[in-house]
N, C-alpha and C. Protein backbone atom coordinates (compact mmCIF):
# COMPACT_ATOMS: atom_id res chain seq x y z
N MET A 1 -2.42 27.15 -16.86
CA MET A 1 -3.55 26.70 -17.64
C MET A 1 -4.44 25.83 -16.77
N ALA A 2 -5.66 26.20 -16.61
CA ALA A 2 -6.61 25.45 -15.79
C ALA A 2 -7.28 24.37 -16.63
N SER A 3 -7.34 23.15 -16.07
CA SER A 3 -7.96 22.06 -16.81
C SER A 3 -9.41 21.84 -16.40
N SER A 4 -9.76 22.20 -15.19
CA SER A 4 -11.15 22.09 -14.73
C SER A 4 -11.29 22.91 -13.46
N SER A 5 -12.50 23.04 -12.99
CA SER A 5 -12.72 23.79 -11.76
C SER A 5 -13.46 22.92 -10.77
N LEU A 6 -13.24 23.20 -9.50
CA LEU A 6 -13.87 22.45 -8.44
C LEU A 6 -15.14 23.16 -7.99
N ALA A 7 -15.93 22.52 -7.15
CA ALA A 7 -17.15 23.12 -6.63
C ALA A 7 -16.84 24.34 -5.77
N THR A 8 -15.62 24.40 -5.21
CA THR A 8 -15.24 25.53 -4.36
C THR A 8 -14.79 26.73 -5.17
N GLY A 9 -14.67 26.58 -6.47
CA GLY A 9 -14.22 27.68 -7.31
C GLY A 9 -12.74 27.64 -7.59
N ASP A 10 -12.00 26.76 -6.95
CA ASP A 10 -10.56 26.63 -7.21
C ASP A 10 -10.36 25.91 -8.54
N THR A 11 -9.29 26.24 -9.21
CA THR A 11 -8.98 25.57 -10.46
C THR A 11 -7.93 24.49 -10.24
N VAL A 12 -8.00 23.47 -11.06
CA VAL A 12 -7.05 22.36 -10.98
C VAL A 12 -6.11 22.51 -12.17
N THR A 13 -4.82 22.61 -11.87
CA THR A 13 -3.84 22.78 -12.93
C THR A 13 -3.28 21.42 -13.36
N LYS A 14 -2.70 21.39 -14.54
CA LYS A 14 -2.06 20.15 -15.01
C LYS A 14 -0.90 19.79 -14.10
N ARG A 15 -0.20 20.78 -13.59
CA ARG A 15 0.90 20.51 -12.68
C ARG A 15 0.39 19.84 -11.40
N GLY A 16 -0.76 20.29 -10.91
CA GLY A 16 -1.35 19.68 -9.73
C GLY A 16 -1.78 18.24 -9.98
N ILE A 17 -2.34 17.99 -11.15
CA ILE A 17 -2.75 16.62 -11.51
C ILE A 17 -1.53 15.72 -11.61
N TRP A 18 -0.48 16.18 -12.27
CA TRP A 18 0.74 15.38 -12.38
C TRP A 18 1.39 15.15 -11.01
N GLY A 19 1.35 16.16 -10.16
CA GLY A 19 1.90 16.00 -8.81
C GLY A 19 1.16 14.93 -8.03
N TRP A 20 -0.18 14.94 -8.14
CA TRP A 20 -0.97 13.93 -7.45
C TRP A 20 -0.71 12.54 -8.03
N MET A 21 -0.61 12.44 -9.34
CA MET A 21 -0.34 11.15 -9.97
C MET A 21 1.00 10.59 -9.52
N LEU A 22 2.03 11.43 -9.47
CA LEU A 22 3.35 10.96 -9.04
C LEU A 22 3.36 10.58 -7.56
N PHE A 23 2.63 11.34 -6.74
CA PHE A 23 2.53 10.99 -5.32
C PHE A 23 1.87 9.63 -5.15
N ASP A 24 0.77 9.41 -5.85
CA ASP A 24 0.05 8.14 -5.75
C ASP A 24 0.91 6.99 -6.27
N TRP A 25 1.63 7.23 -7.34
CA TRP A 25 2.51 6.21 -7.92
C TRP A 25 3.62 5.84 -6.93
N ALA A 26 4.15 6.81 -6.19
CA ALA A 26 5.23 6.54 -5.24
C ALA A 26 4.71 5.93 -3.95
N ALA A 27 3.50 6.26 -3.53
CA ALA A 27 2.98 5.78 -2.26
C ALA A 27 2.48 4.33 -2.34
N GLN A 28 1.96 3.90 -3.46
CA GLN A 28 1.39 2.56 -3.58
C GLN A 28 2.41 1.45 -3.35
N PRO A 29 3.61 1.48 -3.94
CA PRO A 29 4.58 0.41 -3.65
C PRO A 29 4.97 0.34 -2.18
N PHE A 30 5.06 1.48 -1.51
CA PHE A 30 5.40 1.49 -0.09
C PHE A 30 4.34 0.74 0.71
N PHE A 31 3.07 1.01 0.44
CA PHE A 31 1.98 0.33 1.13
C PHE A 31 2.03 -1.17 0.87
N THR A 32 2.28 -1.56 -0.37
CA THR A 32 2.33 -2.98 -0.73
C THR A 32 3.49 -3.69 -0.02
N VAL A 33 4.64 -3.06 0.02
CA VAL A 33 5.81 -3.66 0.67
C VAL A 33 5.57 -3.81 2.17
N VAL A 34 5.03 -2.79 2.80
CA VAL A 34 4.79 -2.86 4.24
C VAL A 34 3.76 -3.93 4.55
N THR A 35 2.68 -3.99 3.78
CA THR A 35 1.65 -4.99 4.02
C THR A 35 2.18 -6.40 3.82
N THR A 36 2.98 -6.61 2.80
CA THR A 36 3.46 -7.95 2.47
C THR A 36 4.60 -8.41 3.37
N PHE A 37 5.62 -7.60 3.52
CA PHE A 37 6.85 -8.04 4.18
C PHE A 37 6.98 -7.65 5.64
N ILE A 38 6.19 -6.71 6.11
CA ILE A 38 6.26 -6.32 7.52
C ILE A 38 5.12 -6.97 8.30
N PHE A 39 3.89 -6.75 7.86
CA PHE A 39 2.75 -7.28 8.59
C PHE A 39 2.55 -8.78 8.37
N GLY A 40 2.94 -9.31 7.21
CA GLY A 40 2.78 -10.73 6.93
C GLY A 40 3.46 -11.62 7.96
N PRO A 41 4.77 -11.48 8.15
CA PRO A 41 5.45 -12.29 9.17
C PRO A 41 4.93 -12.03 10.59
N TYR A 42 4.53 -10.80 10.87
CA TYR A 42 3.97 -10.48 12.19
C TYR A 42 2.68 -11.25 12.43
N PHE A 43 1.79 -11.25 11.46
CA PHE A 43 0.53 -11.97 11.61
C PHE A 43 0.76 -13.48 11.71
N VAL A 44 1.68 -14.02 10.93
CA VAL A 44 1.98 -15.45 11.01
C VAL A 44 2.52 -15.79 12.39
N ALA A 45 3.38 -14.95 12.93
CA ALA A 45 3.95 -15.21 14.25
C ALA A 45 2.89 -15.15 15.34
N ARG A 46 1.91 -14.28 15.17
CA ARG A 46 0.87 -14.13 16.20
C ARG A 46 -0.26 -15.15 16.07
N LEU A 47 -0.54 -15.62 14.87
CA LEU A 47 -1.69 -16.49 14.66
C LEU A 47 -1.37 -17.97 14.61
N THR A 48 -0.10 -18.33 14.68
CA THR A 48 0.27 -19.73 14.62
C THR A 48 1.09 -20.11 15.85
N GLU A 49 1.15 -21.40 16.10
CA GLU A 49 1.96 -21.88 17.22
C GLU A 49 3.41 -22.10 16.81
N VAL A 50 3.66 -22.32 15.52
CA VAL A 50 5.01 -22.54 15.02
C VAL A 50 5.58 -21.18 14.61
N HIS A 51 6.68 -20.78 15.23
CA HIS A 51 7.25 -19.46 14.98
C HIS A 51 8.54 -19.52 14.18
N GLN A 52 8.76 -20.60 13.45
CA GLN A 52 9.98 -20.73 12.67
C GLN A 52 9.69 -20.34 11.22
N PRO A 53 10.53 -19.53 10.62
CA PRO A 53 10.28 -19.15 9.22
C PRO A 53 10.50 -20.34 8.28
N GLY A 54 9.75 -20.40 7.23
CA GLY A 54 9.92 -21.43 6.23
C GLY A 54 9.20 -22.73 6.52
N ILE A 55 8.42 -22.78 7.58
CA ILE A 55 7.68 -23.99 7.91
C ILE A 55 6.41 -24.04 7.07
N VAL A 56 6.18 -25.19 6.43
CA VAL A 56 4.97 -25.38 5.65
C VAL A 56 3.89 -25.88 6.59
N PHE A 57 2.73 -25.22 6.53
CA PHE A 57 1.65 -25.60 7.42
C PHE A 57 0.89 -26.79 6.84
N THR A 58 0.99 -27.93 7.49
CA THR A 58 0.27 -29.13 7.04
C THR A 58 -0.41 -29.75 8.24
N THR A 59 -1.38 -30.58 7.98
CA THR A 59 -2.04 -31.28 9.08
C THR A 59 -1.32 -32.60 9.34
N ALA A 60 -1.33 -33.02 10.58
CA ALA A 60 -0.67 -34.27 10.96
C ALA A 60 -1.48 -35.44 10.43
N VAL A 61 -0.75 -36.45 9.92
CA VAL A 61 -1.42 -37.63 9.35
C VAL A 61 -1.49 -38.71 10.40
């Protein structure tokens, strides 16, 4: 059952729409985890002089 047609003349099926929705649903958490837990510590290690985890960044009084 075709739900709509594209400019190229191909039809988009409900199965295709559901497949894309499930792919997008599965890919988004992976991107979020990599950005938060992989690149976050890497950027902190590269952009700061203190390389110890758990250090709170404060200014000296």
